Amino acid sequence: MKEKLLVVFCTSSSDIDSKYNQAAREFVRAACLSGYGIVSGGAVKGTMKIVADEAAACGATNIGVIPRFMKGVEYPNLTELKWTDTMAERKELMREGTCVAVALPGGIGTMDELAETFCLAKLGLYGGKICALNLDGFYDPFKAQLDRYVESGMMPEKDRRLISFPDTVEELVKIIRNGGQK
């Protein structure tokens, strides 16, 4: 049986509340123990490092995707490192072959990855489950904007259901263990 791959979008910032990194550790460990290999940004910075550290500690497939202009910040213990020329190529390659996309709390890069993945799913170009860990309401403003799209007729309710916002690591793990279904 082919290994399932899960892409994790997260921050490269180290200047964040430790609860976000602890949640990342717990989630990645549970995902690996549930049979997932991890695809991530592949850097030695911020939560990206935490994700790669945990995948490596679990002995899971640990794929990093990083643009060439970021050479020098790549994580050293990946099972595979993929280089790209642009950030757009990076996002595309990160999603390739994955059945779940998870956004942990992160900055504008994470939001870009999450929004693009959601848009591709809406267009039928990404078939995996999409989740954003809404730890302490982190993604509440994005949820509210999506709900406003539905209320205003800008988006059908069926498309809004393409993304889940679990509030805890436990809820997120339950979703991925159910093959991406709640």
N, C-alpha and C. Protein backbone atom coordinates (compact mmCIF):
# COMPACT_ATOMS: atom_id res chain seq x y z
N MET A 1 0.83 -1.19 0.00
CA MET A 1 0.00 0.00 0.00
C MET A 1 0.87 1.25 0.00
N LYS A 2 0.54 2.19 -0.85
CA LYS A 2 1.29 3.43 -0.94
C LYS A 2 1.04 4.29 0.30
N GLU A 3 2.11 4.89 0.80
CA GLU A 3 2.00 5.74 1.98
C GLU A 3 1.15 6.98 1.67
N LYS A 4 0.34 7.37 2.65
CA LYS A 4 -0.45 8.59 2.54
C LYS A 4 0.46 9.77 2.87
N LEU A 5 0.31 10.85 2.11
CA LEU A 5 1.07 12.06 2.39
C LEU A 5 0.13 13.18 2.81
N LEU A 6 0.60 13.97 3.74
CA LEU A 6 -0.15 15.09 4.29
C LEU A 6 0.75 16.32 4.20
N VAL A 7 0.26 17.42 3.68
CA VAL A 7 1.05 18.64 3.61
C VAL A 7 0.69 19.53 4.79
N VAL A 8 1.72 20.09 5.41
CA VAL A 8 1.55 20.99 6.55
C VAL A 8 2.04 22.38 6.14
N PHE A 9 1.14 23.36 6.22
CA PHE A 9 1.50 24.76 6.00
C PHE A 9 1.65 25.40 7.37
N CYS A 10 2.75 26.11 7.57
CA CYS A 10 3.00 26.71 8.89
C CYS A 10 4.01 27.84 8.78
N THR A 11 4.27 28.49 9.88
CA THR A 11 5.12 29.67 9.92
C THR A 11 6.60 29.34 10.01
N SER A 12 7.41 30.24 9.49
CA SER A 12 8.86 30.15 9.68
C SER A 12 9.31 31.05 10.83
N SER A 13 8.36 31.72 11.45
CA SER A 13 8.68 32.63 12.56
C SER A 13 8.96 31.84 13.84
N SER A 14 9.98 32.28 14.55
CA SER A 14 10.28 31.69 15.85
C SER A 14 9.73 32.54 16.99
N ASP A 15 9.20 33.71 16.64
CA ASP A 15 8.72 34.67 17.63
C ASP A 15 7.21 34.51 17.85
N ILE A 16 6.80 33.28 18.22
CA ILE A 16 5.38 32.99 18.42
C ILE A 16 5.17 32.35 19.78
N ASP A 17 3.95 32.33 20.22
CA ASP A 17 3.59 31.68 21.47
C ASP A 17 3.93 30.19 21.37
N SER A 18 4.53 29.65 22.40
CA SER A 18 4.96 28.24 22.39
C SER A 18 3.80 27.26 22.23
N LYS A 19 2.58 27.68 22.53
CA LYS A 19 1.43 26.77 22.39
C LYS A 19 1.25 26.34 20.94
N TYR A 20 1.62 27.20 19.98
CA TYR A 20 1.48 26.84 18.58
C TYR A 20 2.48 25.75 18.17
N ASN A 21 3.71 25.87 18.67
CA ASN A 21 4.70 24.83 18.38
C ASN A 21 4.38 23.53 19.09
N GLN A 22 3.84 23.62 20.29
CA GLN A 22 3.44 22.40 21.00
C GLN A 22 2.31 21.69 20.25
N ALA A 23 1.37 22.46 19.75
CA ALA A 23 0.28 21.87 18.95
C ALA A 23 0.84 21.23 17.68
N ALA A 24 1.82 21.89 17.05
CA ALA A 24 2.45 21.33 15.84
C ALA A 24 3.10 19.99 16.16
N ARG A 25 3.85 19.92 17.27
CA ARG A 25 4.49 18.66 17.67
C ARG A 25 3.46 17.55 17.86
N GLU A 26 2.42 17.86 18.62
CA GLU A 26 1.39 16.86 18.92
C GLU A 26 0.70 16.40 17.64
N PHE A 27 0.39 17.33 16.77
CA PHE A 27 -0.30 16.96 15.54
C PHE A 27 0.57 16.11 14.64
N VAL A 28 1.81 16.53 14.41
CA VAL A 28 2.68 15.78 13.50
C VAL A 28 2.94 14.38 14.04
N ARG A 29 3.17 14.27 15.34
CA ARG A 29 3.38 12.93 15.93
C ARG A 29 2.14 12.05 15.68
N ALA A 30 0.96 12.56 15.95
CA ALA A 30 -0.27 11.79 15.76
C ALA A 30 -0.47 11.45 14.28
N ALA A 31 -0.16 12.39 13.39
CA ALA A 31 -0.30 12.12 11.95
C ALA A 31 0.65 11.01 11.52
N CYS A 32 1.88 11.08 11.97
CA CYS A 32 2.86 10.04 11.62
C CYS A 32 2.44 8.69 12.18
N LEU A 33 1.97 8.67 13.42
CA LEU A 33 1.52 7.41 14.03
C LEU A 33 0.26 6.88 13.36
N SER A 34 -0.46 7.74 12.62
CA SER A 34 -1.64 7.34 11.88
C SER A 34 -1.30 6.92 10.45
N GLY A 35 0.00 6.85 10.14
CA GLY A 35 0.43 6.36 8.84
C GLY A 35 0.67 7.40 7.77
N TYR A 36 0.75 8.66 8.15
CA TYR A 36 1.00 9.71 7.17
C TYR A 36 2.49 10.05 7.11
N GLY A 37 2.97 10.31 5.90
CA GLY A 37 4.24 10.97 5.70
C GLY A 37 3.95 12.46 5.63
N ILE A 38 4.97 13.27 5.93
CA ILE A 38 4.77 14.72 6.04
C ILE A 38 5.51 15.45 4.93
N VAL A 39 4.81 16.39 4.30
CA VAL A 39 5.41 17.32 3.35
C VAL A 39 5.31 18.69 4.00
N SER A 40 6.41 19.43 4.00
CA SER A 40 6.39 20.76 4.61
C SER A 40 7.32 21.70 3.87
N GLY A 41 7.46 22.89 4.41
CA GLY A 41 8.29 23.91 3.78
C GLY A 41 9.77 23.64 3.81
N GLY A 42 10.21 22.69 4.62
CA GLY A 42 11.59 22.23 4.57
C GLY A 42 12.65 23.14 5.15
N ALA A 43 12.26 24.11 5.97
CA ALA A 43 13.24 25.05 6.51
C ALA A 43 13.57 24.74 7.97
N VAL A 44 14.68 25.30 8.43
CA VAL A 44 15.13 25.12 9.82
C VAL A 44 14.70 26.31 10.67
N LYS A 45 13.60 26.91 10.33
CA LYS A 45 13.13 28.09 11.03
C LYS A 45 11.71 27.88 11.53
N GLY A 46 11.44 28.40 12.71
CA GLY A 46 10.09 28.45 13.26
C GLY A 46 9.40 27.11 13.36
N THR A 47 8.09 27.14 13.13
CA THR A 47 7.29 25.93 13.22
C THR A 47 7.65 24.94 12.12
N MET A 48 8.19 25.43 10.99
CA MET A 48 8.65 24.50 9.95
C MET A 48 9.69 23.54 10.51
N LYS A 49 10.58 24.04 11.35
CA LYS A 49 11.60 23.19 11.98
C LYS A 49 10.95 22.20 12.94
N ILE A 50 9.98 22.67 13.71
CA ILE A 50 9.28 21.79 14.66
C ILE A 50 8.61 20.64 13.91
N VAL A 51 7.95 20.95 12.81
CA VAL A 51 7.27 19.93 12.01
C VAL A 51 8.27 18.91 11.48
N ALA A 52 9.38 19.40 10.92
CA ALA A 52 10.40 18.49 10.37
C ALA A 52 11.08 17.68 11.49
N ASP A 53 11.35 18.32 12.62
CA ASP A 53 11.94 17.60 13.77
C ASP A 53 11.05 16.44 14.19
N GLU A 54 9.76 16.70 14.32
CA GLU A 54 8.83 15.68 14.82
C GLU A 54 8.67 14.55 13.82
N ALA A 55 8.57 14.88 12.53
CA ALA A 55 8.48 13.84 11.51
C ALA A 55 9.74 12.98 11.52
N ALA A 56 10.90 13.61 11.65
CA ALA A 56 12.16 12.86 11.71
C ALA A 56 12.21 11.97 12.95
N ALA A 57 11.78 12.50 14.08
CA ALA A 57 11.78 11.73 15.33
C ALA A 57 10.87 10.51 15.23
N CYS A 58 9.81 10.63 14.45
CA CYS A 58 8.87 9.52 14.27
C CYS A 58 9.34 8.52 13.22
N GLY A 59 10.38 8.88 12.48
CA GLY A 59 10.86 8.01 11.42
C GLY A 59 9.96 8.00 10.21
N ALA A 60 9.15 9.02 10.06
CA ALA A 60 8.20 9.10 8.95
C ALA A 60 8.88 9.69 7.71
N THR A 61 8.25 9.49 6.57
CA THR A 61 8.67 10.22 5.37
C THR A 61 8.57 11.69 5.71
N ASN A 62 9.61 12.43 5.36
CA ASN A 62 9.75 13.81 5.78
C ASN A 62 10.27 14.60 4.59
N ILE A 63 9.35 15.09 3.76
CA ILE A 63 9.70 15.77 2.51
C ILE A 63 9.64 17.27 2.72
N GLY A 64 10.70 17.95 2.32
CA GLY A 64 10.73 19.40 2.37
C GLY A 64 10.78 19.98 0.98
N VAL A 65 10.06 21.07 0.76
CA VAL A 65 10.04 21.74 -0.53
C VAL A 65 10.46 23.19 -0.30
N ILE A 66 11.50 23.61 -0.98
CA ILE A 66 12.04 24.93 -0.70
C ILE A 66 12.55 25.58 -1.99
N PRO A 67 12.31 26.87 -2.15
CA PRO A 67 12.82 27.55 -3.34
C PRO A 67 14.33 27.77 -3.25
N ARG A 68 14.97 27.75 -4.40
CA ARG A 68 16.44 27.89 -4.44
C ARG A 68 16.93 29.19 -3.80
N PHE A 69 16.14 30.25 -3.88
CA PHE A 69 16.60 31.53 -3.30
C PHE A 69 16.67 31.47 -1.77
N MET A 70 16.13 30.40 -1.18
CA MET A 70 16.21 30.22 0.27
C MET A 70 17.32 29.25 0.67
N LYS A 71 18.21 28.93 -0.27
CA LYS A 71 19.31 28.00 0.01
C LYS A 71 20.04 28.46 1.27
N GLY A 72 20.32 27.50 2.12
CA GLY A 72 21.02 27.79 3.37
C GLY A 72 20.12 27.65 4.59
N VAL A 73 18.79 27.59 4.39
CA VAL A 73 17.88 27.41 5.53
C VAL A 73 17.16 26.07 5.46
N GLU A 74 17.61 25.18 4.56
CA GLU A 74 16.94 23.89 4.42
C GLU A 74 17.23 22.99 5.63
N TYR A 75 16.23 22.22 6.01
CA TYR A 75 16.33 21.30 7.14
C TYR A 75 17.24 20.14 6.73
N PRO A 76 18.22 19.76 7.58
CA PRO A 76 19.21 18.78 7.17
C PRO A 76 18.77 17.31 7.20
N ASN A 77 17.72 16.97 7.95
CA ASN A 77 17.36 15.56 8.13
C ASN A 77 16.07 15.16 7.43
N LEU A 78 15.87 15.69 6.25
CA LEU A 78 14.70 15.32 5.46
C LEU A 78 14.96 13.99 4.77
N THR A 79 13.92 13.23 4.52
CA THR A 79 14.10 12.02 3.72
C THR A 79 14.19 12.40 2.25
N GLU A 80 13.63 13.57 1.90
CA GLU A 80 13.73 14.06 0.53
C GLU A 80 13.61 15.58 0.55
N LEU A 81 14.49 16.23 -0.21
CA LEU A 81 14.45 17.68 -0.36
C LEU A 81 14.18 17.99 -1.83
N LYS A 82 13.14 18.79 -2.07
CA LYS A 82 12.78 19.18 -3.43
C LYS A 82 13.00 20.68 -3.57
N TRP A 83 13.74 21.07 -4.62
CA TRP A 83 14.02 22.47 -4.88
C TRP A 83 13.07 23.00 -5.95
N THR A 84 12.68 24.25 -5.81
CA THR A 84 11.86 24.91 -6.82
C THR A 84 12.49 26.25 -7.16
N ASP A 85 12.00 26.85 -8.22
CA ASP A 85 12.49 28.17 -8.62
C ASP A 85 11.65 29.30 -8.02
N THR A 86 10.36 29.03 -7.76
CA THR A 86 9.47 30.09 -7.29
C THR A 86 8.62 29.60 -6.12
N MET A 87 8.02 30.54 -5.45
CA MET A 87 7.09 30.21 -4.37
C MET A 87 5.84 29.52 -4.94
N ALA A 88 5.39 29.93 -6.12
CA ALA A 88 4.22 29.30 -6.73
C ALA A 88 4.51 27.82 -7.02
N GLU A 89 5.69 27.52 -7.56
CA GLU A 89 6.07 26.13 -7.79
C GLU A 89 6.16 25.37 -6.47
N ARG A 90 6.64 26.04 -5.45
CA ARG A 90 6.76 25.40 -4.13
C ARG A 90 5.40 24.94 -3.64
N LYS A 91 4.40 25.83 -3.70
CA LYS A 91 3.06 25.47 -3.22
C LYS A 91 2.51 24.30 -4.02
N GLU A 92 2.67 24.34 -5.32
CA GLU A 92 2.17 23.26 -6.17
C GLU A 92 2.84 21.93 -5.83
N LEU A 93 4.14 21.94 -5.68
CA LEU A 93 4.88 20.72 -5.38
C LEU A 93 4.58 20.22 -3.97
N MET A 94 4.35 21.12 -3.04
CA MET A 94 4.00 20.71 -1.68
C MET A 94 2.68 19.92 -1.66
N ARG A 95 1.72 20.35 -2.46
CA ARG A 95 0.41 19.68 -2.49
C ARG A 95 0.43 18.37 -3.27
N GLU A 96 1.36 18.25 -4.20
CA GLU A 96 1.36 17.11 -5.12
C GLU A 96 1.39 15.77 -4.37
N GLY A 97 0.42 14.93 -4.67
CA GLY A 97 0.36 13.59 -4.08
C GLY A 97 -0.17 13.52 -2.66
N THR A 98 -0.62 14.66 -2.11
CA THR A 98 -1.14 14.65 -0.74
C THR A 98 -2.65 14.42 -0.75
N CYS A 99 -3.13 13.84 0.34
CA CYS A 99 -4.57 13.61 0.47
C CYS A 99 -5.19 14.50 1.54
N VAL A 100 -4.36 15.22 2.27
CA VAL A 100 -4.83 16.17 3.28
C VAL A 100 -3.88 17.36 3.29
N ALA A 101 -4.43 18.55 3.41
CA ALA A 101 -3.66 19.79 3.58
C ALA A 101 -4.07 20.39 4.92
N VAL A 102 -3.08 20.64 5.77
CA VAL A 102 -3.34 21.19 7.09
C VAL A 102 -2.58 22.50 7.24
N ALA A 103 -3.31 23.56 7.58
CA ALA A 103 -2.69 24.83 7.90
C ALA A 103 -2.67 24.95 9.42
N LEU A 104 -1.48 25.06 9.98
CA LEU A 104 -1.33 25.38 11.39
C LEU A 104 -1.39 26.89 11.50
N PRO A 105 -1.57 27.44 12.70
CA PRO A 105 -1.52 28.89 12.81
C PRO A 105 -0.21 29.43 12.21
N GLY A 106 -0.32 30.43 11.35
CA GLY A 106 0.85 30.96 10.67
C GLY A 106 0.59 32.34 10.13
N GLY A 107 1.56 32.86 9.44
CA GLY A 107 1.48 34.22 8.90
C GLY A 107 0.91 34.28 7.50
N ILE A 108 1.31 35.32 6.78
CA ILE A 108 0.74 35.58 5.46
C ILE A 108 1.09 34.48 4.46
N GLY A 109 2.27 33.88 4.58
CA GLY A 109 2.63 32.77 3.70
C GLY A 109 1.72 31.58 3.91
N THR A 110 1.43 31.28 5.16
CA THR A 110 0.51 30.18 5.49
C THR A 110 -0.88 30.49 4.96
N MET A 111 -1.33 31.73 5.12
CA MET A 111 -2.65 32.11 4.62
C MET A 111 -2.70 31.99 3.10
N ASP A 112 -1.63 32.38 2.43
CA ASP A 112 -1.54 32.24 0.98
C ASP A 112 -1.67 30.78 0.56
N GLU A 113 -0.95 29.90 1.23
CA GLU A 113 -0.99 28.47 0.92
C GLU A 113 -2.39 27.89 1.17
N LEU A 114 -2.98 28.28 2.29
CA LEU A 114 -4.31 27.80 2.64
C LEU A 114 -5.37 28.29 1.66
N ALA A 115 -5.35 29.58 1.36
CA ALA A 115 -6.35 30.15 0.45
C ALA A 115 -6.22 29.57 -0.95
N GLU A 116 -4.99 29.41 -1.44
CA GLU A 116 -4.81 28.84 -2.77
C GLU A 116 -5.28 27.39 -2.82
N THR A 117 -4.96 26.64 -1.80
CA THR A 117 -5.38 25.23 -1.76
C THR A 117 -6.91 25.14 -1.73
N PHE A 118 -7.54 25.99 -0.94
CA PHE A 118 -9.00 26.03 -0.88
C PHE A 118 -9.59 26.40 -2.24
N CYS A 119 -9.02 27.39 -2.90
CA CYS A 119 -9.49 27.80 -4.23
C CYS A 119 -9.35 26.66 -5.23
N LEU A 120 -8.22 25.95 -5.18
CA LEU A 120 -8.02 24.82 -6.10
C LEU A 120 -9.04 23.71 -5.83
N ALA A 121 -9.34 23.48 -4.55
CA ALA A 121 -10.36 22.47 -4.21
C ALA A 121 -11.72 22.89 -4.76
N LYS A 122 -12.04 24.15 -4.62
CA LYS A 122 -13.31 24.69 -5.12
C LYS A 122 -13.41 24.49 -6.63
N LEU A 123 -12.29 24.59 -7.33
CA LEU A 123 -12.26 24.42 -8.78
C LEU A 123 -12.12 22.96 -9.21
N GLY A 124 -12.03 22.06 -8.22
CA GLY A 124 -11.87 20.64 -8.51
C GLY A 124 -10.46 20.23 -8.87
N LEU A 125 -9.48 21.08 -8.52
CA LEU A 125 -8.09 20.81 -8.86
C LEU A 125 -7.25 20.31 -7.69
N TYR A 126 -7.83 20.25 -6.50
CA TYR A 126 -7.19 19.61 -5.35
C TYR A 126 -8.26 18.75 -4.70
N GLY A 127 -7.99 17.46 -4.60
CA GLY A 127 -8.99 16.53 -4.09
C GLY A 127 -8.85 16.16 -2.64
N GLY A 128 -7.82 16.67 -1.98
CA GLY A 128 -7.61 16.32 -0.58
C GLY A 128 -8.49 17.12 0.36
N LYS A 129 -8.56 16.64 1.59
CA LYS A 129 -9.27 17.36 2.66
C LYS A 129 -8.42 18.56 3.08
N ILE A 130 -9.07 19.65 3.43
CA ILE A 130 -8.37 20.86 3.87
C ILE A 130 -8.82 21.21 5.27
N CYS A 131 -7.85 21.39 6.16
CA CYS A 131 -8.13 21.75 7.55
C CYS A 131 -7.23 22.90 7.98
N ALA A 132 -7.78 23.79 8.78
CA ALA A 132 -7.01 24.86 9.40
C ALA A 132 -7.19 24.74 10.90
N LEU A 133 -6.11 24.49 11.61
CA LEU A 133 -6.19 24.34 13.07
C LEU A 133 -6.53 25.69 13.69
N ASN A 134 -7.73 25.78 14.22
CA ASN A 134 -8.26 27.03 14.75
C ASN A 134 -7.98 27.16 16.25
N LEU A 135 -6.77 26.86 16.64
CA LEU A 135 -6.37 26.90 18.05
C LEU A 135 -6.62 28.30 18.63
N ASP A 136 -7.37 28.35 19.71
CA ASP A 136 -7.72 29.62 20.36
C ASP A 136 -8.34 30.64 19.40
N GLY A 137 -9.09 30.14 18.42
CA GLY A 137 -9.78 31.04 17.50
C GLY A 137 -8.89 31.70 16.47
N PHE A 138 -7.70 31.15 16.24
CA PHE A 138 -6.74 31.79 15.33
C PHE A 138 -7.34 32.10 13.96
N TYR A 139 -8.12 31.17 13.42
CA TYR A 139 -8.68 31.35 12.08
C TYR A 139 -10.12 31.86 12.09
N ASP A 140 -10.62 32.34 13.22
CA ASP A 140 -11.98 32.87 13.28
C ASP A 140 -12.25 33.97 12.24
N PRO A 141 -11.33 34.93 12.04
CA PRO A 141 -11.61 35.96 11.02
C PRO A 141 -11.76 35.37 9.61
N PHE A 142 -10.94 34.37 9.27
CA PHE A 142 -11.04 33.74 7.95
C PHE A 142 -12.35 32.96 7.84
N LYS A 143 -12.72 32.23 8.89
CA LYS A 143 -14.01 31.53 8.90
C LYS A 143 -15.16 32.51 8.68
N ALA A 144 -15.10 33.64 9.37
CA ALA A 144 -16.16 34.64 9.25
C ALA A 144 -16.24 35.19 7.82
N GLN A 145 -15.09 35.39 7.19
CA GLN A 145 -15.09 35.89 5.82
C GLN A 145 -15.70 34.86 4.87
N LEU A 146 -15.36 33.58 5.05
CA LEU A 146 -15.95 32.54 4.21
C LEU A 146 -17.46 32.48 4.42
N ASP A 147 -17.89 32.59 5.67
CA ASP A 147 -19.32 32.58 5.96
C ASP A 147 -20.02 33.78 5.32
N ARG A 148 -19.34 34.90 5.30
CA ARG A 148 -19.91 36.09 4.66
C ARG A 148 -20.06 35.87 3.15
N TYR A 149 -19.08 35.20 2.55
CA TYR A 149 -19.20 34.87 1.13
C TYR A 149 -20.47 34.07 0.87
N VAL A 150 -20.73 33.10 1.73
CA VAL A 150 -21.92 32.27 1.57
C VAL A 150 -23.18 33.11 1.76
N GLU A 151 -23.22 33.91 2.85
CA GLU A 151 -24.39 34.74 3.14
C GLU A 151 -24.70 35.73 2.03
N SER A 152 -23.65 36.22 1.37
CA SER A 152 -23.84 37.23 0.32
C SER A 152 -24.03 36.61 -1.07
N GLY A 153 -23.99 35.28 -1.14
CA GLY A 153 -24.16 34.61 -2.42
C GLY A 153 -22.90 34.52 -3.26
N MET A 154 -21.77 34.92 -2.70
CA MET A 154 -20.50 34.89 -3.43
C MET A 154 -19.91 33.47 -3.52
N MET A 155 -20.38 32.59 -2.63
CA MET A 155 -19.88 31.22 -2.60
C MET A 155 -21.01 30.30 -2.17
N PRO A 156 -21.18 29.17 -2.86
CA PRO A 156 -22.20 28.22 -2.41
C PRO A 156 -21.78 27.51 -1.13
N GLU A 157 -22.76 27.14 -0.34
CA GLU A 157 -22.49 26.44 0.93
C GLU A 157 -21.68 25.18 0.70
N LYS A 158 -21.92 24.47 -0.39
CA LYS A 158 -21.19 23.23 -0.66
C LYS A 158 -19.68 23.50 -0.77
N ASP A 159 -19.30 24.64 -1.31
CA ASP A 159 -17.88 24.98 -1.39
C ASP A 159 -17.31 25.35 -0.02
N ARG A 160 -18.12 26.02 0.79
CA ARG A 160 -17.68 26.38 2.14
C ARG A 160 -17.33 25.14 2.95
N ARG A 161 -18.03 24.04 2.68
CA ARG A 161 -17.78 22.79 3.42
C ARG A 161 -16.49 22.08 3.00
N LEU A 162 -15.78 22.61 2.02
CA LEU A 162 -14.53 22.00 1.58
C LEU A 162 -13.39 22.20 2.59
N ILE A 163 -13.58 23.10 3.53
CA ILE A 163 -12.54 23.38 4.52
C ILE A 163 -13.12 23.23 5.92
N SER A 164 -12.34 22.59 6.79
CA SER A 164 -12.74 22.39 8.19
C SER A 164 -11.83 23.21 9.10
N PHE A 165 -12.38 23.63 10.22
CA PHE A 165 -11.64 24.44 11.19
C PHE A 165 -11.68 23.78 12.57
N PRO A 166 -11.01 22.66 12.75
CA PRO A 166 -11.01 22.04 14.08
C PRO A 166 -10.35 22.97 15.10
N ASP A 167 -10.92 23.00 16.30
CA ASP A 167 -10.42 23.90 17.35
C ASP A 167 -9.28 23.32 18.17
N THR A 168 -9.11 22.01 18.11
CA THR A 168 -8.07 21.37 18.92
C THR A 168 -7.28 20.38 18.06
N VAL A 169 -6.11 20.03 18.55
CA VAL A 169 -5.30 19.01 17.88
C VAL A 169 -6.08 17.69 17.85
N GLU A 170 -6.78 17.39 18.93
CA GLU A 170 -7.54 16.13 18.99
C GLU A 170 -8.60 16.08 17.89
N GLU A 171 -9.32 17.18 17.68
CA GLU A 171 -10.33 17.23 16.61
C GLU A 171 -9.68 17.09 15.24
N LEU A 172 -8.55 17.73 15.05
CA LEU A 172 -7.83 17.65 13.79
C LEU A 172 -7.37 16.22 13.52
N VAL A 173 -6.82 15.58 14.52
CA VAL A 173 -6.36 14.19 14.37
C VAL A 173 -7.53 13.27 14.04
N LYS A 174 -8.67 13.50 14.67
CA LYS A 174 -9.85 12.69 14.38
C LYS A 174 -10.24 12.81 12.91
N ILE A 175 -10.17 14.01 12.35
CA ILE A 175 -10.51 14.24 10.95
C ILE A 175 -9.54 13.47 10.04
N ILE A 176 -8.25 13.57 10.32
CA ILE A 176 -7.30 12.89 9.41
C ILE A 176 -7.36 11.38 9.57
N ARG A 177 -7.66 10.90 10.77
CA ARG A 177 -7.77 9.45 10.97
C ARG A 177 -9.01 8.88 10.28
N ASN A 178 -9.99 9.73 10.04
CA ASN A 178 -11.20 9.31 9.33
C ASN A 178 -11.03 9.53 7.82
N GLY A 179 -9.79 9.54 7.38
CA GLY A 179 -9.53 9.72 5.95
C GLY A 179 -9.88 11.10 5.45
N GLY A 180 -9.82 12.07 6.34
CA GLY A 180 -10.13 13.44 5.95
C GLY A 180 -11.58 13.81 6.15
N GLN A 181 -12.40 12.89 6.65
CA GLN A 181 -13.82 13.19 6.87
C GLN A 181 -14.07 13.38 8.36
N LYS A 182 -14.97 14.29 8.68
CA LYS A 182 -15.34 14.53 10.08
C LYS A 182 -16.09 13.36 10.63
